[in-house]
């Protein structure tokens, strides 16, 4: 489908130096998909594109959504109760498109666990590990005792003292015996720049 975006000259002047965020929602049945997005300027004929593979798990599968990293959250979003991208309950996430942060900021993480097995809800946990060049710089765990079957998780990671580098964030769901049931990995960067365009 095509989504026209029209900006007046004043609007364009205000945003032209900043990254541009476009968000949308659409339903998908379980299965594997390929998403293709084409951005085209119909005036200059310039364009760019991106592609991504999507996996929608079966309804009864135990799974973890892709982690979302944000630099800001609105805990009392005016969009609560609506269908909106990056809205988790009442909390609206403002993600960073390139997963770049500044030292001293707070990194907000959100993801969803679906169809959590009974034994994991009874005595499992989630372990968070941050690595820099393969070396662990942070680790903590959260118990999943008495968790609901579907769980929206929000975690905060203060980045005070983090030097400019690329970091890996690992999220591991552990069973009662500490065996790994699910694992997700993502990366983020700490920039040496004093300011970021967002």
Protein backbone atom coordinates (compact mmCIF):
# COMPACT_ATOMS: atom_id res chain seq x y z
CA UNK A 1 0.00 0.00 0.00
CA UNK A 2 1.07 3.60 -0.57
CA UNK A 3 1.11 6.15 2.27
CA UNK A 4 1.42 9.73 0.97
CA UNK A 5 3.27 12.19 3.23
CA UNK A 6 2.90 15.84 2.31
CA UNK A 7 4.78 18.62 4.09
CA UNK A 8 4.45 22.35 3.65
CA UNK A 9 7.60 24.45 3.23
CA UNK A 10 7.47 25.60 6.87
CA UNK A 11 7.06 22.02 8.10
CA UNK A 12 9.93 20.84 5.93
CA UNK A 13 12.27 23.57 7.18
CA UNK A 14 11.55 22.57 10.79
CA UNK A 15 12.38 18.90 10.37
CA UNK A 16 14.90 18.72 7.52
CA UNK A 17 17.94 18.54 9.84
CA UNK A 18 16.43 15.84 12.09
CA UNK A 19 15.84 12.10 11.66
CA UNK A 20 12.36 11.30 10.37
CA UNK A 21 10.16 8.75 12.16
CA UNK A 22 7.23 7.02 10.49
CA UNK A 23 5.12 4.51 12.45
CA UNK A 24 2.26 2.30 11.35
CA UNK A 25 0.39 -0.84 12.40
CA UNK A 26 -1.03 -3.69 10.37
CA UNK A 27 -2.33 -7.16 11.36
CA UNK A 28 -0.53 -10.36 10.34
CA UNK A 29 -1.44 -14.03 10.76
CA UNK A 30 1.23 -16.44 12.08
CA UNK A 31 3.94 -17.17 9.51
CA UNK A 32 7.10 -15.79 7.89
CA UNK A 33 7.02 -12.57 5.88
CA UNK A 34 9.33 -10.23 4.02
CA UNK A 35 8.68 -6.52 4.58
CA UNK A 36 9.77 -4.08 1.88
CA UNK A 37 9.54 -0.31 2.31
CA UNK A 38 10.28 2.17 -0.46
CA UNK A 39 10.64 5.87 0.39
CA UNK A 40 10.28 8.03 -2.69
CA UNK A 41 10.37 11.78 -3.21
CA UNK A 42 7.97 12.30 -6.09
CA UNK A 43 9.30 15.80 -6.73
CA UNK A 44 13.01 14.94 -7.07
CA UNK A 45 12.56 11.23 -7.92
CA UNK A 46 15.12 10.38 -5.20
CA UNK A 47 14.36 7.21 -3.22
CA UNK A 48 15.70 4.76 -0.67
CA UNK A 49 14.48 1.39 0.54
CA UNK A 50 14.79 -1.20 3.26
CA UNK A 51 13.79 -4.81 3.76
CA UNK A 52 13.32 -7.02 6.82
CA UNK A 53 12.24 -10.58 7.54
CA UNK A 54 9.34 -10.95 9.96
CA UNK A 55 8.30 -13.99 11.99
CA UNK A 56 4.85 -14.11 13.59
CA UNK A 57 4.82 -17.13 15.97
CA UNK A 58 1.96 -19.59 16.27
CA UNK A 59 -0.74 -18.65 18.78
CA UNK A 60 0.33 -21.19 21.42
CA UNK A 61 4.13 -20.78 21.08
CA UNK A 62 6.33 -19.49 23.92
CA UNK A 63 8.12 -16.50 22.45
CA UNK A 64 9.79 -13.17 23.12
CA UNK A 65 9.18 -10.11 20.97
CA UNK A 66 12.07 -8.14 19.52
CA UNK A 67 13.47 -5.74 22.13
CA UNK A 68 12.74 -2.03 21.71
CA UNK A 69 15.35 0.45 22.97
CA UNK A 70 14.21 3.98 23.77
CA UNK A 71 15.81 7.15 25.08
CA UNK A 72 12.54 8.55 26.47
CA UNK A 73 9.21 7.26 27.78
CA UNK A 74 5.86 8.84 28.55
CA UNK A 75 4.38 6.86 31.44
CA UNK A 76 0.91 8.44 31.12
CA UNK A 77 0.48 8.48 27.37
CA UNK A 78 -2.59 10.20 25.99
CA UNK A 79 -2.82 7.26 23.56
CA UNK A 80 -3.34 4.64 26.30
CA UNK A 81 -6.01 2.12 25.42
CA UNK A 82 -5.43 2.64 21.69
CA UNK A 83 -3.51 0.67 19.07
CA UNK A 84 -0.27 2.57 18.53
CA UNK A 85 3.32 1.67 17.74
CA UNK A 86 5.61 1.34 20.77
CA UNK A 87 2.76 1.73 23.25
CA UNK A 88 3.07 -0.79 26.11
CA UNK A 89 0.06 -0.50 28.41
CA UNK A 90 0.02 3.17 29.44
CA UNK A 91 3.69 3.70 28.57
CA UNK A 92 4.65 5.28 25.23
CA UNK A 93 8.21 4.50 24.15
CA UNK A 94 10.20 6.95 22.03
CA UNK A 95 12.77 4.66 20.37
CA UNK A 96 16.09 5.74 18.94
CA UNK A 97 16.22 4.79 15.27
CA UNK A 98 19.93 3.95 15.24
CA UNK A 99 20.10 2.72 18.87
CA UNK A 100 22.57 5.46 19.75
CA UNK A 101 22.74 6.92 23.25
CA UNK A 102 24.85 9.34 25.23
CA UNK A 103 26.76 8.43 28.36
CA UNK A 104 24.66 9.41 31.37
CA UNK A 105 21.30 8.82 29.68
CA UNK A 106 18.84 6.11 30.67
CA UNK A 107 18.31 3.31 28.18
CA UNK A 108 14.72 2.07 28.36
CA UNK A 109 14.12 -1.50 27.21
CA UNK A 110 10.76 -3.08 26.47
CA UNK A 111 9.69 -6.44 25.12
CA UNK A 112 6.91 -8.96 25.54
CA UNK A 113 6.91 -12.56 26.76
CA UNK A 114 3.97 -14.61 25.48
CA UNK A 115 2.69 -18.02 26.62
CA UNK A 116 5.14 -18.32 29.51
CA UNK A 117 5.26 -21.98 30.61
CA UNK A 118 3.96 -22.77 34.09
CA UNK A 119 7.34 -23.92 35.42
CA UNK A 120 9.02 -20.70 34.24
CA UNK A 121 6.29 -18.63 35.87
CA UNK A 122 6.78 -20.65 39.04
CA UNK A 123 10.54 -20.35 39.44
CA UNK A 124 12.17 -18.90 36.34
CA UNK A 125 13.86 -15.56 35.79
CA UNK A 126 15.12 -13.15 33.16
CA UNK A 127 18.85 -12.36 33.06
CA UNK A 128 20.11 -9.13 31.48
CA UNK A 129 23.75 -8.89 30.44
CA UNK A 130 25.58 -5.97 28.80
CA UNK A 131 28.90 -6.70 27.13
CA UNK A 132 31.58 -4.43 25.67
CA UNK A 133 33.88 -6.20 23.22
CA UNK A 134 32.77 -9.52 24.71
CA UNK A 135 33.49 -8.49 28.30
CA UNK A 136 30.60 -8.32 30.77
CA UNK A 137 30.06 -4.82 32.19
CA UNK A 138 26.63 -5.29 33.75
CA UNK A 139 24.35 -8.15 34.77
CA UNK A 140 21.17 -8.44 36.80
CA UNK A 141 18.22 -10.83 36.99
CA UNK A 142 14.50 -10.48 37.64
CA UNK A 143 12.32 -13.34 38.95
CA UNK A 144 9.27 -14.36 36.94
CA UNK A 145 7.40 -15.80 39.92
CA UNK A 146 3.62 -15.34 39.58
CA UNK A 147 4.01 -13.65 36.19
CA UNK A 148 0.89 -13.59 33.97
CA UNK A 149 0.75 -15.69 30.80
CA UNK A 150 1.53 -12.59 28.69
CA UNK A 151 3.94 -10.11 30.20
CA UNK A 152 4.98 -6.64 28.97
CA UNK A 153 8.40 -5.93 30.47
CA UNK A 154 10.02 -2.53 30.90
CA UNK A 155 13.57 -2.20 32.22
CA UNK A 156 15.80 0.84 32.80
CA UNK A 157 19.57 0.84 32.35
CA UNK A 158 21.41 3.98 33.55
CA UNK A 159 24.33 4.58 31.20
CA UNK A 160 26.40 6.73 33.57
CA UNK A 161 30.08 5.86 33.23
CA UNK A 162 29.69 4.05 29.90
CA UNK A 163 32.46 5.05 27.48
CA UNK A 164 31.94 5.54 23.75
CA UNK A 165 31.73 2.08 22.17
CA UNK A 166 29.36 -0.55 20.78
CA UNK A 167 27.67 -2.72 23.42
CA UNK A 168 25.69 -5.95 23.25
CA UNK A 169 22.57 -6.41 25.37
CA UNK A 170 21.46 -9.99 25.99
CA UNK A 171 18.06 -10.98 27.39
CA UNK A 172 17.85 -14.59 28.53
CA UNK A 173 14.74 -16.29 29.93
CA UNK A 174 15.86 -18.97 32.39
CA UNK A 175 13.95 -21.95 33.75
CA UNK A 176 13.89 -22.89 37.45
CA UNK A 177 17.13 -24.86 36.93
CA UNK A 178 18.79 -21.82 35.26
CA UNK A 179 18.72 -23.43 31.81
CA UNK A 180 18.22 -20.96 28.98
CA UNK A 181 14.74 -21.17 27.44
CA UNK A 182 14.80 -18.07 25.22
CA UNK A 183 17.56 -15.66 24.20
CA UNK A 184 17.45 -12.33 22.40
CA UNK A 185 20.38 -10.08 21.54
CA UNK A 186 20.59 -6.48 20.42
CA UNK A 187 23.27 -3.81 20.17
CA UNK A 188 23.50 -0.16 21.08
CA UNK A 189 26.16 2.52 20.75
CA UNK A 190 27.40 5.17 23.14
CA UNK A 191 28.41 8.20 21.10
CA UNK A 192 31.33 10.49 21.91
CA UNK A 193 29.29 13.42 20.57
CA UNK A 194 27.98 16.02 22.99
CA UNK A 195 24.58 16.26 21.27
CA UNK A 196 22.33 13.99 19.20
CA UNK A 197 19.74 14.90 16.59
CA UNK A 198 16.52 13.06 17.42
